[in-house]
């Protein structure tokens, strides 16, 4: 029904446009001579214009199905392309485009003062195109900084009032490694995590690729990650959001995570040491669950005694290696001769590193 209505409208437009074209054509001298046309002959004017109108209307009537199909194809393609653009990118891009066009309108007055034929018109069109494009590009490139403007104004307002404004909990964006690790589900169960849990679609896509890997180890890790997400989403009382925001100009998932954290003003939750370092360079806040695990390990001080089981040799001569229940490695001096034995040791020193904690001890 809609196609029939559009076809009828196109035909009517063709008829009306053809009639106006017929009247305009009678203004050409060569056409007047060919038909021996007298401008005062109203009947000939009407007949000629009507014939032209019917011809143009008939042509549009015949071509309208093809034009409608082409238009619908272009509309669907445009819709698919627009769906790929994140809502915040489209919003900031629209605002930047409007500002660019406003600036072009302001400087258009000066351009119109150029008294060179066609130059002022061309410069005016170029100004609108260039400044509109520039405004949209700058707004989308710097939307992370622009999105933080409300927070900056709120902070400055709260300082003026001499009181600190209490904001909501920041979103926590999960990366692939922390999902596969699985401990994030246990942390969420404890209720220590506040704010929504954000799972980007590009992280889900990476998990799906890992789960479909031909390597059995990778495949099991990917499936474990998907199972952990199901537990977080279905069994834990925490808000989970899956966002479709993507950054087509970036291929690496880690960089996309950092960009998303800037846009959403949130935290990246990870256990990836390298991502942690890159985030610090880009001023993105990170919650590293390895650091959390190290922070809640029992405190061991030099001089304390403990019972350990030596399970393997150390790197240095005569050293033995044991482990606590939480995975902390204990280097036992002279422990090589106590392999596969349980013995009491005295803690001599504790070394805290970014990768974890090491305890040095000697047999009692």
Protein backbone atom coordinates (compact mmCIF):
# COMPACT_ATOMS: atom_id res chain seq x y z
CA UNK A 1 0.00 0.00 0.00
CA UNK A 2 2.78 2.39 0.89
CA UNK A 3 4.57 1.71 -2.41
CA UNK A 4 1.37 2.50 -4.33
CA UNK A 5 0.99 5.80 -2.49
CA UNK A 6 4.64 6.71 -3.19
CA UNK A 7 4.17 5.77 -6.86
CA UNK A 8 1.10 8.00 -7.11
CA UNK A 9 2.92 10.89 -5.45
CA UNK A 10 5.89 10.53 -7.84
CA UNK A 11 3.52 10.49 -10.80
CA UNK A 12 1.76 13.66 -9.60
CA UNK A 13 5.12 15.33 -9.06
CA UNK A 14 6.12 14.34 -12.58
CA UNK A 15 2.90 15.76 -14.01
CA UNK A 16 3.17 19.08 -12.14
CA UNK A 17 6.89 19.38 -12.87
CA UNK A 18 6.30 18.47 -16.54
CA UNK A 19 3.63 21.15 -16.91
CA UNK A 20 6.01 23.78 -15.48
CA UNK A 21 8.76 22.47 -17.80
CA UNK A 22 6.43 22.78 -20.80
CA UNK A 23 5.68 26.42 -19.99
CA UNK A 24 9.41 27.12 -19.56
CA UNK A 25 10.28 25.38 -22.85
CA UNK A 26 7.97 27.69 -24.76
CA UNK A 27 10.27 30.51 -23.75
CA UNK A 28 13.04 29.18 -26.05
CA UNK A 29 13.23 31.01 -29.39
CA UNK A 30 14.07 27.90 -31.42
CA UNK A 31 10.99 26.12 -30.09
CA UNK A 32 8.74 29.07 -30.94
CA UNK A 33 10.08 29.06 -34.48
CA UNK A 34 9.65 25.30 -34.85
CA UNK A 35 5.99 25.39 -33.80
CA UNK A 36 5.30 28.89 -35.13
CA UNK A 37 4.22 29.67 -31.61
CA UNK A 38 2.38 32.86 -30.69
CA UNK A 39 2.71 33.76 -26.96
CA UNK A 40 -0.88 35.00 -27.02
CA UNK A 41 -2.14 31.56 -28.08
CA UNK A 42 -3.29 30.31 -24.66
CA UNK A 43 -4.80 27.09 -26.01
CA UNK A 44 -1.53 25.95 -27.60
CA UNK A 45 0.32 26.79 -24.37
CA UNK A 46 -2.06 24.64 -22.34
CA UNK A 47 -2.02 21.74 -24.83
CA UNK A 48 1.76 21.74 -25.20
CA UNK A 49 2.37 21.96 -21.45
CA UNK A 50 -0.21 19.24 -20.81
CA UNK A 51 1.46 16.90 -23.31
CA UNK A 52 4.86 17.47 -21.69
CA UNK A 53 3.29 16.95 -18.23
CA UNK A 54 1.73 13.63 -19.31
CA UNK A 55 5.01 12.43 -20.83
CA UNK A 56 7.04 13.25 -17.71
CA UNK A 57 4.31 11.80 -15.47
CA UNK A 58 4.20 8.58 -17.53
CA UNK A 59 8.00 8.26 -17.40
CA UNK A 60 8.01 8.66 -13.62
CA UNK A 61 5.10 6.21 -13.33
CA UNK A 62 7.11 3.59 -15.25
CA UNK A 63 10.37 4.31 -13.39
CA UNK A 64 8.84 4.66 -9.90
CA UNK A 65 9.16 0.93 -8.91
CA UNK A 66 12.86 1.03 -9.74
CA UNK A 67 13.31 4.38 -7.96
CA UNK A 68 11.45 3.06 -4.91
CA UNK A 69 13.63 -0.07 -4.77
CA UNK A 70 16.79 2.00 -5.08
CA UNK A 71 15.58 4.38 -2.39
CA UNK A 72 14.67 1.54 -0.01
CA UNK A 73 18.08 -0.09 -0.60
CA UNK A 74 19.90 3.15 0.17
CA UNK A 75 17.69 3.68 3.24
CA UNK A 76 18.42 0.17 4.59
CA UNK A 77 22.15 0.54 3.95
CA UNK A 78 22.15 3.91 5.70
CA UNK A 79 20.22 2.43 8.63
CA UNK A 80 22.74 -0.44 9.01
CA UNK A 81 25.66 1.98 8.93
CA UNK A 82 24.02 4.26 11.50
CA UNK A 83 23.35 1.27 13.80
CA UNK A 84 27.11 0.68 13.95
CA UNK A 85 27.68 4.17 15.32
CA UNK A 86 27.40 4.37 19.14
CA UNK A 87 24.67 6.65 20.44
CA UNK A 88 27.12 8.87 22.30
CA UNK A 89 29.27 9.25 19.17
CA UNK A 90 26.21 10.24 17.15
CA UNK A 91 25.13 12.72 19.84
CA UNK A 92 28.51 14.43 20.14
CA UNK A 93 28.95 14.38 16.35
CA UNK A 94 25.56 16.08 15.85
CA UNK A 95 26.36 18.76 18.40
CA UNK A 96 29.76 19.37 16.78
CA UNK A 97 28.13 19.56 13.32
CA UNK A 98 25.60 22.14 14.52
CA UNK A 99 28.32 24.26 16.12
CA UNK A 100 30.43 24.06 12.96
CA UNK A 101 27.48 25.18 10.79
CA UNK A 102 26.75 28.05 13.18
CA UNK A 103 30.37 29.26 12.89
CA UNK A 104 30.14 28.97 9.09
CA UNK A 105 26.94 31.05 9.14
CA UNK A 106 28.67 33.75 11.17
CA UNK A 107 31.63 34.06 8.80
CA UNK A 108 29.38 33.79 5.73
CA UNK A 109 28.64 37.51 6.00
CA UNK A 110 32.28 38.36 5.38
CA UNK A 111 32.46 35.91 2.48
CA UNK A 112 29.44 37.51 0.80
CA UNK A 113 31.32 40.82 0.64
CA UNK A 114 33.65 39.34 -2.00
CA UNK A 115 32.49 40.97 -5.24
CA UNK A 116 33.90 38.29 -7.58
CA UNK A 117 31.23 36.32 -9.52
CA UNK A 118 30.78 32.69 -8.35
CA UNK A 119 33.73 32.98 -5.92
CA UNK A 120 31.68 34.08 -2.91
CA UNK A 121 29.10 31.33 -3.50
CA UNK A 122 31.76 28.65 -3.84
CA UNK A 123 33.62 29.85 -0.74
CA UNK A 124 30.36 29.91 1.23
CA UNK A 125 29.57 26.29 0.29
CA UNK A 126 33.11 25.19 1.12
CA UNK A 127 32.96 26.97 4.50
CA UNK A 128 29.76 25.15 5.46
CA UNK A 129 31.15 21.76 4.35
CA UNK A 130 34.57 22.20 5.96
CA UNK A 131 33.46 23.70 9.28
CA UNK A 132 30.55 21.24 9.62
CA UNK A 133 32.89 18.28 9.04
CA UNK A 134 35.56 19.75 11.32
CA UNK A 135 33.05 20.34 14.14
CA UNK A 136 31.69 16.78 13.92
CA UNK A 137 35.19 15.21 13.83
CA UNK A 138 36.53 17.26 16.74
CA UNK A 139 33.47 16.50 18.86
CA UNK A 140 33.70 12.73 18.29
CA UNK A 141 37.49 12.62 18.76
CA UNK A 142 37.29 14.48 22.07
CA UNK A 143 33.99 13.09 23.37
CA UNK A 144 35.79 11.44 26.29
CA UNK A 145 36.92 14.84 27.57
CA UNK A 146 33.57 16.45 26.74
CA UNK A 147 31.67 13.74 28.63
CA UNK A 148 33.64 14.62 31.76
CA UNK A 149 32.60 18.29 31.64
CA UNK A 150 29.47 17.77 33.83
CA UNK A 151 31.61 16.10 36.50
CA UNK A 152 34.11 18.96 36.34
CA UNK A 153 31.32 21.51 36.80
CA UNK A 154 29.86 19.52 39.68
CA UNK A 155 33.26 19.30 41.37
CA UNK A 156 33.89 23.01 40.93
CA UNK A 157 30.42 23.83 42.25
CA UNK A 158 30.88 21.62 45.28
CA UNK A 159 34.21 23.29 46.06
CA UNK A 160 32.55 26.70 45.96
CA UNK A 161 29.96 25.54 48.45
CA UNK A 162 32.62 24.03 50.70
CA UNK A 163 30.99 20.61 50.61
CA UNK A 164 31.84 17.47 48.76
CA UNK A 165 29.17 16.13 46.46
CA UNK A 166 28.46 12.45 46.74
CA UNK A 167 28.25 10.88 43.29
CA UNK A 168 26.97 7.50 42.23
CA UNK A 169 29.16 4.44 41.94
CA UNK A 170 31.25 4.32 38.79
CA UNK A 171 30.61 1.56 36.22
CA UNK A 172 33.02 -1.39 36.30
CA UNK A 173 34.07 -2.53 32.80
CA UNK A 174 35.24 -6.16 32.66
CA UNK A 175 38.04 -7.23 30.35
CA UNK A 176 38.45 -10.69 28.83
CA UNK A 177 41.17 -11.91 31.19
CA UNK A 178 39.26 -11.11 34.38
CA UNK A 179 36.14 -12.87 33.06
CA UNK A 180 38.08 -16.03 32.21
CA UNK A 181 39.86 -15.85 35.60
CA UNK A 182 36.49 -16.29 37.30
CA UNK A 183 37.27 -14.67 40.65
CA UNK A 184 35.22 -11.61 39.71
CA UNK A 185 32.04 -13.66 40.23
CA UNK A 186 33.06 -14.48 43.82
CA UNK A 187 33.96 -10.83 44.43
CA UNK A 188 30.53 -9.74 43.14
CA UNK A 189 28.85 -12.26 45.46
CA UNK A 190 30.44 -10.61 48.49
CA UNK A 191 28.75 -7.28 47.66
CA UNK A 192 31.99 -5.30 47.68
CA UNK A 193 31.52 -4.27 44.02
CA UNK A 194 29.29 -1.21 43.64
CA UNK A 195 27.86 0.23 40.46
CA UNK A 196 26.84 -1.51 37.25
CA UNK A 197 28.98 -4.24 35.71
CA UNK A 198 29.65 -3.31 32.07
CA UNK A 199 30.35 -6.02 29.52
CA UNK A 200 31.23 -4.60 26.07
CA UNK A 201 30.08 -6.51 23.02
CA UNK A 202 33.62 -6.56 21.62
CA UNK A 203 34.72 -8.46 24.75
CA UNK A 204 31.89 -10.96 24.20
CA UNK A 205 33.05 -11.32 20.60
CA UNK A 206 36.60 -12.05 21.75
CA UNK A 207 35.31 -14.63 24.25
CA UNK A 208 33.29 -16.28 21.49
CA UNK A 209 36.37 -16.51 19.25
CA UNK A 210 38.36 -18.07 22.11
CA UNK A 211 35.54 -20.54 22.82
CA UNK A 212 35.51 -21.55 19.13
CA UNK A 213 39.29 -22.02 18.99
CA UNK A 214 40.74 -25.26 17.66
CA UNK A 215 43.11 -25.33 20.65
CA UNK A 216 41.44 -27.29 23.46
CA UNK A 217 43.00 -25.18 26.22
CA UNK A 218 41.85 -21.91 24.67
CA UNK A 219 38.44 -23.41 23.95
CA UNK A 220 37.97 -24.44 27.57
CA UNK A 221 39.08 -21.01 28.78
CA UNK A 222 36.61 -19.28 26.47
CA UNK A 223 33.74 -21.49 27.56
CA UNK A 224 34.65 -20.95 31.20
CA UNK A 225 34.49 -17.20 30.60
CA UNK A 226 31.02 -17.47 29.04
CA UNK A 227 29.87 -19.60 32.00
CA UNK A 228 31.20 -17.00 34.45
CA UNK A 229 29.26 -14.27 32.63
CA UNK A 230 26.10 -16.36 32.87
CA UNK A 231 26.63 -16.76 36.62
CA UNK A 232 27.18 -13.01 37.09
CA UNK A 233 24.14 -12.13 35.00
CA UNK A 234 21.67 -14.73 36.34
CA UNK A 235 22.71 -15.78 39.85
CA UNK A 236 24.27 -12.67 41.43
CA UNK A 237 22.30 -9.67 42.61
CA UNK A 238 24.28 -7.11 40.66
CA UNK A 239 23.35 -4.83 37.76
CA UNK A 240 24.84 -6.09 34.49
CA UNK A 241 24.79 -4.06 31.27
CA UNK A 242 25.93 -5.23 27.84
CA UNK A 243 26.91 -2.20 25.78
CA UNK A 244 27.32 -2.09 22.00
CA UNK A 245 29.75 0.85 21.99
CA UNK A 246 32.59 0.09 19.63
CA UNK A 247 35.54 1.97 18.19
CA UNK A 248 35.92 0.99 14.54
CA UNK A 249 39.24 2.85 14.18
CA UNK A 250 40.84 0.63 16.86
CA UNK A 251 41.54 -3.08 16.41
CA UNK A 252 43.00 -4.00 19.84
CA UNK A 253 40.46 -4.93 22.52
CA UNK A 254 42.61 -3.46 25.33
CA UNK A 255 42.69 -0.02 23.69
CA UNK A 256 38.93 -0.20 23.11
CA UNK A 257 38.46 -0.93 26.83
CA UNK A 258 40.48 2.13 27.80
CA UNK A 259 38.56 4.36 25.37
CA UNK A 260 35.25 3.01 26.69
CA UNK A 261 36.35 3.67 30.27
CA UNK A 262 37.10 7.29 29.35
CA UNK A 263 33.74 7.71 27.62
CA UNK A 264 31.76 6.13 30.50
CA UNK A 265 33.98 7.62 33.23
CA UNK A 266 34.35 4.19 34.78
CA UNK A 267 36.91 1.64 35.99
CA UNK A 268 38.48 -1.18 34.00
CA UNK A 269 38.48 -4.42 36.00
CA UNK A 270 41.38 -6.67 34.97
CA UNK A 271 44.17 -8.94 36.11
CA UNK A 272 46.37 -8.10 33.11
CA UNK A 273 49.59 -6.48 34.36
CA UNK A 274 50.41 -4.90 30.98
CA UNK A 275 46.92 -3.41 30.60
CA UNK A 276 47.31 -2.01 34.10
CA UNK A 277 50.48 -0.16 33.05
CA UNK A 278 49.00 1.18 29.79
CA UNK A 279 45.92 2.41 31.69
CA UNK A 280 48.14 4.34 34.10
CA UNK A 281 49.84 6.07 31.15
CA UNK A 282 46.45 7.08 29.73
CA UNK A 283 45.07 8.19 33.10
CA UNK A 284 42.39 5.48 33.17
CA UNK A 285 41.38 4.07 36.54
CA UNK A 286 41.91 0.31 36.94
CA UNK A 287 40.80 -2.26 39.50
CA UNK A 288 43.29 -5.14 39.40
CA UNK A 289 41.96 -8.22 41.19
CA UNK A 290 45.51 -9.54 41.61
CA UNK A 291 46.30 -6.44 43.67
CA UNK A 292 43.10 -7.05 45.62
CA UNK A 293 44.12 -10.66 46.26
CA UNK A 294 47.55 -9.54 47.46
CA UNK A 295 46.00 -6.91 49.71
CA UNK A 296 43.81 -9.40 51.57
CA UNK A 297 46.48 -12.08 52.06
CA UNK A 298 47.42 -12.75 55.68
CA UNK A 299 50.26 -10.55 56.90
CA UNK A 300 53.49 -12.45 57.50
CA UNK A 301 56.28 -10.69 59.39
CA UNK A 302 59.97 -11.62 59.70
CA UNK A 303 60.54 -13.73 62.82
CA UNK A 304 57.26 -15.62 62.58
CA UNK A 305 57.22 -19.39 62.48
CA UNK A 306 55.15 -21.54 60.13
CA UNK A 307 54.82 -25.11 58.90
CA UNK A 308 55.36 -25.69 55.17
CA UNK A 309 55.70 -28.61 52.76
CA UNK A 310 58.67 -28.37 50.38
CA UNK A 311 57.62 -29.60 46.94
CA UNK A 312 60.43 -28.66 44.53
CA UNK A 313 63.91 -27.23 44.17
CA UNK A 314 64.59 -23.52 43.94
CA UNK A 315 66.62 -21.63 41.34
CA UNK A 316 69.59 -21.14 43.67
CA UNK A 317 71.60 -24.00 45.14
CA UNK A 318 70.17 -25.71 48.23
CA UNK A 319 66.88 -23.76 47.97
CA UNK A 320 63.51 -25.43 48.31
CA UNK A 321 60.10 -24.10 47.26
CA UNK A 322 56.85 -24.34 49.21
CA UNK A 323 53.48 -22.64 48.83
CA UNK A 324 50.81 -21.33 51.16
CA UNK A 325 47.15 -22.16 50.60
CA UNK A 326 46.64 -18.79 48.85
CA UNK A 327 49.45 -19.49 46.37
CA UNK A 328 52.15 -17.38 48.04
CA UNK A 329 55.58 -18.81 47.23
CA UNK A 330 57.98 -19.55 50.10
CA UNK A 331 61.69 -19.86 49.35
CA UNK A 332 63.32 -22.06 52.01
CA UNK A 333 67.09 -21.67 52.37
CA UNK A 334 68.69 -25.10 52.61
CA UNK A 335 65.33 -26.68 51.79
CA UNK A 336 66.67 -28.83 48.96
CA UNK A 337 67.57 -31.64 51.35
CA UNK A 338 64.02 -31.53 52.77
CA UNK A 339 62.27 -32.28 49.46
CA UNK A 340 58.72 -33.67 49.92
CA UNK A 341 58.98 -33.09 53.67
CA UNK A 342 56.89 -31.01 56.04
CA UNK A 343 58.96 -28.87 58.37
CA UNK A 344 58.86 -25.79 60.57
CA UNK A 345 60.54 -22.68 59.18
CA UNK A 346 61.34 -19.20 60.43
CA UNK A 347 60.43 -16.24 58.19
CA UNK A 348 63.53 -14.14 57.45
CA UNK A 349 62.12 -11.58 54.97
CA UNK A 350 59.08 -10.77 52.85
CA UNK A 351 59.37 -9.37 49.31
CA UNK A 352 56.33 -7.66 47.78
CA UNK A 353 56.38 -7.39 43.96
CA UNK A 354 53.84 -6.35 41.35
CA UNK A 355 53.41 -10.02 40.42
CA UNK A 356 52.75 -11.07 44.01
CA UNK A 357 54.48 -11.73 47.34
CA UNK A 358 57.48 -13.95 48.11
CA UNK A 359 58.44 -15.15 51.56
CA UNK A 360 61.99 -16.17 52.44
CA UNK A 361 62.49 -18.55 55.33
CA UNK A 362 64.97 -21.00 56.85
CA UNK A 363 64.44 -24.28 58.68
CA UNK A 364 64.27 -24.13 62.47
